[in-house]
Amino acid sequence: MQTKSFKLILPLLFLCAVTMLISSCKKDSTSSGKKIKVGVLLGFSGTGSQNAVETQAALTIGLADVRDYIERNGLDASVELFFEDTKTDTNEAKLKAQVLIDKGVRLIIGPYTSAETKAVKAIADAKNVLLVSHSAVSTSLAIPNDNLLRFVPSDFYQAEAMNAMLMSDTIRAIIPVVRNDLWSNSLIAATGSVFVANGGVSLPVHSFAPGTTDFSSLVASVKMAIETASATYDFHEMAIYLISYADGTDFLEALSLAGIPAGIRIYGASAFAQSTALIANTNAAAFATNVNLQCPVFGFDEAAANIYEPIQSRIQSAIGSKASIYALAAYDVLWTTVLASLTQQNDPGFAAFKAHFIETAGDYYGATGRTELDGNGDRKHVFYDFWAVRNENGFDAWKLSAKYNTSGQLLQKF
């Protein structure tokens, strides 16, 4: 009962906070003539393309909202977004980050992947620019007192969520299939550690390089691993744990053609959850349904539905589909940036600007719920949703299959 009351009160507290901010800005001339420049790094090509489209839509809507907020409250301020395409490439991300800095940007939203974020973080730390990620979740980026903040949780939480699901499904051993990159390697290390600590066995990792299109040799090695493990475990006690981006679709299709023993399940990771590429591939989608593929992803706070549902409707009208929570996290970053800028003195030093941004994030309640950050500058309050591919009336679609929270309990299976 206390939890429910708390969730209901939070939106009211946020509205009160906004009212006080408006009053403060009107009374204090410090907001006069402010020019708020926000840079955005997105990968409009490569593995980040889906996120780029939905995040650009969310930020375009957010820009209209904050400009309307400023006009309605008679504030002498302007907001401008600068989008740059990283092509989901670390070198390109560094080049485009410098382009934004040269334009006078002091806060950058993005980029999409953890590898890109790590590359740009070095520049942000050196140039006193605040980098606020809407999607990079690698555990290796959980560092206190740097210039990277994340409106998403570290994958320590995803590891706990996946372990809860594996234990609930009585899986005793996992066969990891992992994209060889910073995020994937950090996640398998975290998940394997939690799973083993809870009595499970993480078998040797099978890696594939980014850009792989021929998965025949990988499939052969995975099938051999299944055969070897079957001497110790029943098929229903083992699972393939796939950590990939949209490229997991090609692996699943190749595996479906090669065949695996009945009873073996496959679990995915957050970057594969709700993948449009998987749904578009008939063979891979049917296979995903048969093996009950489930993928956890940082989930929506249902108490914030009155905030995120109207935004989702507007995004769907713009791009034809609803957005992932990562796009709405970017929407919340933009609002936090604007509110922090409006309620701070003109031209504060970087340390003061960063501290006030963190303070504002601690008070903000938006489309993704509470945005308070922890000691590493990462999202503190976390919900996870599990998504599975289901075939309904002849059409494949992602459906919510379970919910998890940071109390360490699998709340509900659907």
Protein backbone atom coordinates (compact mmCIF):
# COMPACT_ATOMS: atom_id res chain seq x y z
CA MET A 1 0.00 0.00 0.00
CA GLN A 2 2.86 2.38 0.81
CA THR A 3 4.49 1.72 -2.60
CA LYS A 4 1.28 2.50 -4.47
CA SER A 5 0.79 5.76 -2.56
CA PHE A 6 4.39 6.75 -3.25
CA LYS A 7 3.94 6.22 -7.00
CA LEU A 8 0.79 8.33 -7.02
CA ILE A 9 2.42 11.19 -5.13
CA LEU A 10 5.51 11.44 -7.35
CA PRO A 11 3.82 13.05 -10.38
CA LEU A 12 2.21 15.59 -8.06
CA LEU A 13 5.58 16.44 -6.55
CA PHE A 14 7.01 16.89 -10.04
CA LEU A 15 4.22 19.30 -11.01
CA CYS A 16 4.80 21.28 -7.83
CA ALA A 17 8.52 21.44 -8.60
CA VAL A 18 7.82 22.73 -12.11
CA THR A 19 5.53 25.41 -10.68
CA MET A 20 8.27 26.58 -8.33
CA LEU A 21 10.78 26.62 -11.18
CA ILE A 22 8.48 28.83 -13.24
CA SER A 23 8.05 31.20 -10.34
CA SER A 24 11.78 31.32 -9.72
CA CYS A 25 12.56 32.08 -13.36
CA LYS A 26 10.03 34.91 -13.50
CA LYS A 27 11.30 36.54 -10.35
CA ASP A 28 15.00 36.17 -11.18
CA SER A 29 16.48 37.76 -14.27
CA THR A 30 19.19 35.07 -14.44
CA SER A 31 17.21 33.25 -17.15
CA SER A 32 17.10 36.36 -19.37
CA GLY A 33 18.42 35.87 -22.87
CA LYS A 34 19.68 32.37 -22.27
CA LYS A 35 20.72 30.37 -25.32
CA ILE A 36 20.62 26.67 -24.48
CA LYS A 37 22.57 24.58 -26.99
CA VAL A 38 22.25 20.80 -26.79
CA GLY A 39 24.26 18.42 -28.93
CA VAL A 40 22.99 14.97 -29.95
CA LEU A 41 25.09 12.06 -31.20
CA LEU A 42 23.10 9.30 -32.91
CA GLY A 43 24.01 6.51 -35.32
CA PHE A 44 21.68 6.94 -38.28
CA SER A 45 23.45 4.07 -40.03
CA GLY A 46 24.84 0.83 -38.63
CA THR A 47 23.44 -1.00 -35.62
CA GLY A 48 22.22 2.22 -34.02
CA SER A 49 19.86 3.22 -36.83
CA GLN A 50 16.61 2.10 -35.19
CA ASN A 51 17.47 3.97 -32.00
CA ALA A 52 18.50 7.05 -34.00
CA VAL A 53 15.15 7.35 -35.75
CA GLU A 54 13.06 6.98 -32.60
CA THR A 55 15.35 9.15 -30.47
CA GLN A 56 15.37 11.93 -33.05
CA ALA A 57 11.57 11.81 -33.07
CA ALA A 58 11.40 11.94 -29.27
CA LEU A 59 13.84 14.85 -29.10
CA THR A 60 12.06 16.77 -31.86
CA ILE A 61 8.84 16.44 -29.86
CA GLY A 62 10.73 17.38 -26.70
CA LEU A 63 12.14 20.47 -28.37
CA ALA A 64 8.63 21.61 -29.30
CA ASP A 65 7.49 20.98 -25.72
CA VAL A 66 10.30 22.90 -24.02
CA ARG A 67 9.93 25.80 -26.44
CA ASP A 68 6.21 25.89 -25.68
CA TYR A 69 7.03 25.80 -21.95
CA ILE A 70 9.38 28.76 -22.33
CA GLU A 71 6.87 30.77 -24.36
CA ARG A 72 3.93 30.04 -22.05
CA ASN A 73 5.90 31.23 -19.05
CA GLY A 74 7.28 34.36 -20.67
CA LEU A 75 10.92 33.37 -20.31
CA ASP A 76 13.62 35.07 -22.35
CA ALA A 77 15.41 31.91 -23.43
CA SER A 78 15.92 29.79 -26.52
CA VAL A 79 16.76 26.10 -27.05
CA GLU A 80 18.49 24.61 -30.06
CA LEU A 81 19.36 20.98 -30.87
CA PHE A 82 22.32 20.00 -33.02
CA PHE A 83 22.16 16.46 -34.43
CA GLU A 84 25.28 14.68 -35.67
CA ASP A 85 25.49 11.21 -37.25
CA THR A 86 28.11 8.93 -35.68
CA LYS A 87 27.34 6.11 -38.15
CA THR A 88 27.53 3.91 -35.02
CA ASP A 89 31.32 4.13 -35.29
CA THR A 90 33.70 5.09 -32.48
CA ASN A 91 36.06 7.18 -34.61
CA GLU A 92 33.17 9.01 -36.27
CA ALA A 93 31.61 9.60 -32.85
CA LYS A 94 34.78 11.32 -31.63
CA LEU A 95 34.95 13.52 -34.74
CA LYS A 96 31.30 14.53 -34.45
CA ALA A 97 31.65 15.21 -30.71
CA GLN A 98 34.35 17.76 -31.54
CA VAL A 99 32.07 19.31 -34.18
CA LEU A 100 29.44 19.86 -31.49
CA ILE A 101 31.96 21.28 -29.02
CA ASP A 102 33.17 23.72 -31.68
CA LYS A 103 29.55 24.96 -31.98
CA GLY A 104 29.57 25.91 -28.30
CA VAL A 105 27.68 22.89 -27.00
CA ARG A 106 28.36 22.13 -23.34
CA LEU A 107 26.05 19.12 -23.01
CA ILE A 108 25.78 16.18 -25.42
CA ILE A 109 23.01 13.55 -25.44
CA GLY A 110 24.20 10.12 -26.61
CA PRO A 111 25.81 8.37 -28.34
CA TYR A 112 23.94 5.04 -28.69
CA THR A 113 26.48 2.29 -27.98
CA SER A 114 28.73 1.84 -24.97
CA ALA A 115 31.82 1.66 -27.22
CA GLU A 116 30.99 5.03 -28.81
CA THR A 117 30.21 6.49 -25.39
CA LYS A 118 33.55 5.35 -23.98
CA ALA A 119 35.36 6.98 -26.90
CA VAL A 120 33.49 10.28 -26.56
CA LYS A 121 33.76 10.25 -22.75
CA ALA A 122 37.50 10.80 -23.01
CA ILE A 123 36.85 14.00 -24.97
CA ALA A 124 34.09 15.12 -22.57
CA ASP A 125 36.38 14.62 -19.58
CA ALA A 126 39.18 16.58 -21.25
CA LYS A 127 37.04 19.43 -22.60
CA ASN A 128 34.69 19.92 -19.61
CA VAL A 129 31.60 18.87 -21.55
CA LEU A 130 28.78 16.93 -19.92
CA LEU A 131 27.95 13.70 -21.75
CA VAL A 132 24.52 12.35 -20.81
CA SER A 133 23.73 8.92 -22.19
CA HIS A 134 20.23 7.74 -23.01
CA SER A 135 21.25 4.17 -23.90
CA ALA A 136 24.84 3.14 -23.01
CA VAL A 137 24.58 0.60 -20.20
CA SER A 138 27.96 -1.17 -20.02
CA THR A 139 29.12 -1.89 -16.48
CA SER A 140 32.58 -0.63 -17.48
CA LEU A 141 31.17 2.90 -17.67
CA ALA A 142 30.00 2.96 -14.05
CA ILE A 143 32.68 5.42 -12.86
CA PRO A 144 32.18 8.07 -10.17
CA ASN A 145 33.08 11.73 -10.66
CA ASP A 146 33.63 11.65 -14.44
CA ASN A 147 31.75 13.73 -17.02
CA LEU A 148 29.48 10.88 -18.11
CA LEU A 149 25.99 10.69 -16.62
CA ARG A 150 23.47 8.04 -17.63
CA PHE A 151 19.69 8.23 -17.57
CA VAL A 152 19.77 4.45 -17.97
CA PRO A 153 20.94 1.88 -15.43
CA SER A 154 24.26 0.08 -15.44
CA ASP A 155 23.97 -3.50 -16.70
CA PHE A 156 24.63 -4.77 -13.19
CA TYR A 157 20.85 -4.52 -12.91
CA GLN A 158 20.23 -6.35 -16.20
CA ALA A 159 22.46 -9.17 -14.95
CA GLU A 160 20.30 -9.48 -11.84
CA ALA A 161 17.11 -9.43 -13.91
CA MET A 162 18.37 -12.15 -16.26
CA ASN A 163 19.51 -14.29 -13.33
CA ALA A 164 16.05 -14.00 -11.78
CA MET A 165 14.47 -15.24 -15.02
CA LEU A 166 16.95 -18.10 -15.46
CA MET A 167 16.42 -19.26 -11.90
CA SER A 168 12.65 -19.02 -12.30
CA ASP A 169 12.84 -21.16 -15.45
CA THR A 170 15.11 -23.71 -13.65
CA ILE A 171 17.98 -23.20 -16.10
CA ARG A 172 21.17 -24.76 -14.74
CA ALA A 173 23.65 -23.95 -17.52
CA ILE A 174 23.94 -21.23 -20.17
CA ILE A 175 25.84 -21.29 -23.46
CA PRO A 176 26.76 -17.64 -24.10
CA VAL A 177 26.78 -16.37 -27.70
CA VAL A 178 28.27 -12.91 -27.53
CA ARG A 179 28.95 -10.08 -29.97
CA ASN A 180 32.59 -9.14 -29.42
CA ASP A 181 32.29 -5.53 -28.26
CA LEU A 182 32.60 -3.50 -25.07
CA TRP A 183 28.95 -3.69 -24.02
CA SER A 184 28.45 -7.38 -24.78
CA ASN A 185 31.63 -8.52 -23.07
CA SER A 186 30.83 -6.45 -19.98
CA LEU A 187 27.30 -7.85 -19.83
CA ILE A 188 28.30 -11.52 -20.10
CA ALA A 189 30.90 -10.97 -17.38
CA ALA A 190 28.25 -9.44 -15.09
CA THR A 191 25.51 -11.96 -15.88
CA GLY A 192 27.85 -14.94 -15.66
CA SER A 193 29.11 -13.78 -12.29
CA VAL A 194 25.60 -13.40 -10.82
CA PHE A 195 24.37 -16.67 -12.36
CA VAL A 196 27.35 -18.67 -11.04
CA ALA A 197 27.02 -17.07 -7.60
CA ASN A 198 23.45 -18.40 -7.53
CA GLY A 199 24.46 -21.96 -8.41
CA GLY A 200 24.34 -21.86 -12.21
CA VAL A 201 27.07 -22.75 -14.69
CA SER A 202 28.22 -20.42 -17.45
CA LEU A 203 29.84 -22.52 -20.18
CA PRO A 204 32.58 -21.17 -22.51
CA VAL A 205 31.67 -18.08 -24.51
CA HIS A 206 31.11 -18.28 -28.29
CA SER A 207 32.00 -14.88 -29.79
CA PHE A 208 31.27 -13.30 -33.15
CA ALA A 209 32.72 -10.13 -34.60
CA PRO A 210 30.61 -7.04 -35.31
CA GLY A 211 29.63 -7.07 -38.97
CA THR A 212 29.43 -10.88 -39.18
CA THR A 213 26.99 -12.09 -41.83
CA ASP A 214 27.98 -15.76 -42.15
CA PHE A 215 27.12 -17.52 -38.89
CA SER A 216 27.65 -21.10 -40.10
CA SER A 217 30.83 -21.75 -38.12
CA LEU A 218 29.36 -20.17 -34.99
CA VAL A 219 26.24 -22.27 -35.28
CA ALA A 220 28.36 -25.41 -35.67
CA SER A 221 30.34 -24.64 -32.51
CA VAL A 222 27.17 -23.87 -30.55
CA LYS A 223 25.61 -27.16 -31.64
CA MET A 224 28.74 -28.99 -30.53
CA ALA A 225 28.57 -27.22 -27.15
CA ILE A 226 24.95 -28.37 -26.76
CA GLU A 227 25.93 -31.95 -27.53
CA THR A 228 28.77 -31.84 -24.99
CA ALA A 229 26.60 -30.24 -22.30
CA SER A 230 23.83 -32.80 -22.82
CA ALA A 231 26.01 -35.37 -21.08
CA THR A 232 25.48 -33.38 -17.85
CA TYR A 233 22.22 -31.48 -18.31
CA ASP A 234 18.80 -32.23 -19.70
CA PHE A 235 17.88 -30.04 -22.67
CA HIS A 236 15.29 -28.14 -20.64
CA GLU A 237 18.02 -27.27 -18.09
CA MET A 238 20.30 -25.53 -20.58
CA ALA A 239 19.84 -22.35 -22.58
CA ILE A 240 21.58 -20.24 -25.18
CA TYR A 241 22.21 -16.72 -23.90
CA LEU A 242 22.50 -14.40 -26.91
CA ILE A 243 24.00 -10.94 -26.42
CA SER A 244 23.69 -9.01 -29.66
CA TYR A 245 22.18 -6.07 -31.45
CA ALA A 246 19.90 -6.56 -34.46
CA ASP A 247 22.58 -8.89 -35.89
CA GLY A 248 21.20 -11.55 -33.57
CA THR A 249 18.48 -12.01 -36.19
CA ASP A 250 20.92 -13.55 -38.69
CA PHE A 251 22.27 -15.87 -36.01
CA LEU A 252 18.79 -17.07 -35.08
CA GLU A 253 17.90 -17.67 -38.71
CA ALA A 254 21.08 -19.69 -39.26
CA LEU A 255 20.44 -21.65 -36.07
CA SER A 256 16.84 -22.34 -37.09
CA LEU A 257 18.00 -23.87 -40.37
CA ALA A 258 20.59 -26.01 -38.60
CA GLY A 259 18.16 -27.12 -35.90
CA ILE A 260 18.65 -27.62 -32.16
CA PRO A 261 17.14 -30.24 -29.82
CA ALA A 262 13.61 -29.56 -28.59
CA GLY A 263 13.41 -28.07 -25.12
CA ILE A 264 16.42 -25.77 -25.31
CA ARG A 265 15.50 -22.17 -24.71
CA ILE A 266 17.13 -18.96 -25.88
CA TYR A 267 17.39 -15.71 -23.93
CA GLY A 268 18.49 -12.39 -25.36
CA ALA A 269 19.73 -9.06 -24.03
CA SER A 270 18.41 -5.50 -23.95
CA ALA A 271 19.76 -4.36 -27.33
CA PHE A 272 17.80 -7.16 -29.03
CA ALA A 273 14.54 -6.60 -27.18
CA GLN A 274 11.74 -5.39 -29.49
CA SER A 275 14.05 -5.61 -32.52
CA THR A 276 12.15 -4.73 -35.69
CA ALA A 277 14.71 -6.69 -37.72
CA LEU A 278 13.72 -9.91 -35.97
CA ILE A 279 10.00 -9.41 -36.57
CA ALA A 280 10.70 -8.66 -40.24
CA ASN A 281 12.48 -12.00 -40.71
CA THR A 282 9.78 -14.68 -40.91
CA ASN A 283 12.10 -17.66 -40.30
CA ALA A 284 13.93 -16.06 -37.38
CA ALA A 285 10.71 -14.78 -35.79
CA ALA A 286 9.05 -18.22 -35.99
CA PHE A 287 12.15 -19.79 -34.45
CA ALA A 288 12.19 -17.17 -31.69
CA THR A 289 8.60 -18.09 -30.86
CA ASN A 290 9.41 -21.82 -30.75
CA VAL A 291 12.36 -21.39 -28.37
CA ASN A 292 10.46 -18.82 -26.27
CA LEU A 293 13.08 -16.12 -26.78
CA GLN A 294 12.87 -13.52 -24.00
CA CYS A 295 14.87 -10.32 -23.71
CA PRO A 296 14.98 -7.94 -20.74
CA VAL A 297 15.13 -4.21 -21.25
CA PHE A 298 15.07 -1.21 -18.97
CA GLY A 299 11.34 -0.79 -18.48
CA PHE A 300 8.75 1.89 -18.04
CA ASP A 301 7.53 2.98 -14.62
CA GLU A 302 3.78 2.40 -14.88
CA ALA A 303 3.19 5.28 -12.47
CA ALA A 304 4.46 7.59 -15.24
CA ALA A 305 1.99 6.30 -17.84
CA ASN A 306 0.09 9.59 -17.84
CA ILE A 307 3.32 11.26 -18.99
CA TYR A 308 4.80 8.76 -21.45
CA GLU A 309 1.66 7.51 -23.20
CA PRO A 310 0.79 10.86 -24.87
CA ILE A 311 4.44 11.21 -25.96
CA GLN A 312 4.41 7.69 -27.38
CA SER A 313 1.28 8.51 -29.36
CA ARG A 314 3.00 11.52 -30.88
CA ILE A 315 6.11 9.49 -31.72
CA GLN A 316 3.97 6.81 -33.35
CA SER A 317 2.27 9.45 -35.48
CA ALA A 318 5.68 10.74 -36.56
CA ILE A 319 7.49 7.48 -37.37
CA GLY A 320 4.77 4.83 -37.52
CA SER A 321 5.73 2.97 -34.35
CA LYS A 322 6.18 3.54 -30.65
CA ALA A 323 9.66 4.14 -29.28
CA SER A 324 11.79 2.20 -26.84
CA ILE A 325 12.37 3.59 -23.38
CA TYR A 326 15.82 4.77 -24.49
CA ALA A 327 14.28 7.36 -26.79
CA LEU A 328 12.10 8.63 -23.96
CA ALA A 329 15.15 8.73 -21.70
CA ALA A 330 16.62 11.20 -24.20
CA TYR A 331 13.38 13.21 -23.98
CA ASP A 332 13.88 13.38 -20.20
CA VAL A 333 17.53 14.39 -20.60
CA LEU A 334 16.45 17.33 -22.75
CA TRP A 335 13.87 18.50 -20.21
CA THR A 336 16.36 18.15 -17.34
CA THR A 337 18.93 20.15 -19.31
CA VAL A 338 16.49 22.97 -19.99
CA LEU A 339 15.18 23.12 -16.42
CA ALA A 340 18.72 23.05 -15.01
CA SER A 341 19.82 25.83 -17.39
CA LEU A 342 16.80 28.04 -16.66
CA THR A 343 17.27 27.85 -12.90
CA GLN A 344 20.98 28.56 -12.79
CA GLN A 345 22.95 31.77 -13.06
CA ASN A 346 24.24 32.80 -16.45
CA ASP A 347 27.55 31.21 -17.47
CA PRO A 348 28.27 29.14 -14.35
CA GLY A 349 31.52 27.20 -14.22
CA PHE A 350 31.43 23.63 -15.46
CA ALA A 351 31.54 22.09 -11.98
CA ALA A 352 28.57 24.20 -10.87
CA PHE A 353 26.62 23.40 -14.05
CA LYS A 354 27.23 19.65 -13.62
CA ALA A 355 26.29 19.71 -9.93
CA HIS A 356 23.07 21.61 -10.65
CA PHE A 357 22.17 19.24 -13.48
CA ILE A 358 22.56 16.27 -11.13
CA GLU A 359 20.48 18.05 -8.50
CA THR A 360 17.76 18.79 -11.07
CA ALA A 361 17.77 15.15 -12.23
CA GLY A 362 17.21 14.11 -8.63
CA ASP A 363 14.03 16.19 -8.46
CA TYR A 364 12.74 15.46 -11.96
CA TYR A 365 9.96 12.98 -12.72
CA GLY A 366 9.30 12.50 -16.39
CA ALA A 367 8.40 10.07 -19.15
CA THR A 368 10.70 7.39 -17.71
CA GLY A 369 9.77 8.05 -14.08
CA ARG A 370 12.29 9.13 -11.46
CA THR A 371 15.62 10.21 -12.96
CA GLU A 372 17.66 10.38 -9.75
CA LEU A 373 21.27 9.27 -10.28
CA ASP A 374 23.48 7.09 -8.07
CA GLY A 375 27.08 7.66 -6.94
CA ASN A 376 28.40 6.66 -10.37
CA GLY A 377 26.09 9.10 -12.13
CA ASP A 378 23.85 6.27 -13.37
CA ARG A 379 20.10 5.73 -13.11
CA LYS A 380 19.20 4.76 -9.56
CA HIS A 381 15.59 3.52 -9.74
CA VAL A 382 15.13 0.63 -12.16
CA PHE A 383 12.38 -1.50 -13.63
CA TYR A 384 12.94 -4.23 -16.22
CA ASP A 385 10.46 -5.58 -18.73
CA PHE A 386 10.93 -8.94 -20.46
CA TRP A 387 9.73 -9.15 -24.07
CA ALA A 388 9.04 -12.30 -26.07
CA VAL A 389 8.04 -12.91 -29.69
CA ARG A 390 4.52 -14.25 -30.02
CA ASN A 391 2.46 -15.15 -33.07
CA GLU A 392 -1.09 -13.88 -32.89
CA ASN A 393 -3.55 -14.26 -35.76
CA GLY A 394 -0.70 -15.09 -38.11
CA PHE A 395 1.41 -12.05 -37.22
CA ASP A 396 4.65 -12.06 -35.21
CA ALA A 397 4.98 -9.35 -32.57
CA TRP A 398 6.89 -8.57 -29.41
CA LYS A 399 4.75 -9.02 -26.30
CA LEU A 400 5.44 -8.22 -22.66
CA SER A 401 6.19 -11.53 -20.94
CA ALA A 402 7.38 -10.57 -17.45
CA LYS A 403 8.26 -7.64 -15.19
CA TYR A 404 11.12 -7.28 -12.73
CA ASN A 405 12.25 -4.62 -10.28
CA THR A 406 15.40 -3.88 -8.35
CA SER A 407 14.11 -5.60 -5.23
CA GLY A 408 15.48 -8.74 -6.88
CA GLN A 409 12.10 -10.37 -7.46
CA LEU A 410 10.52 -11.44 -10.73
CA LEU A 411 7.24 -9.64 -10.14
CA GLN A 412 5.01 -11.32 -12.67
CA LYS A 413 5.05 -13.58 -15.72
CA PHE A 414 2.45 -13.21 -18.44
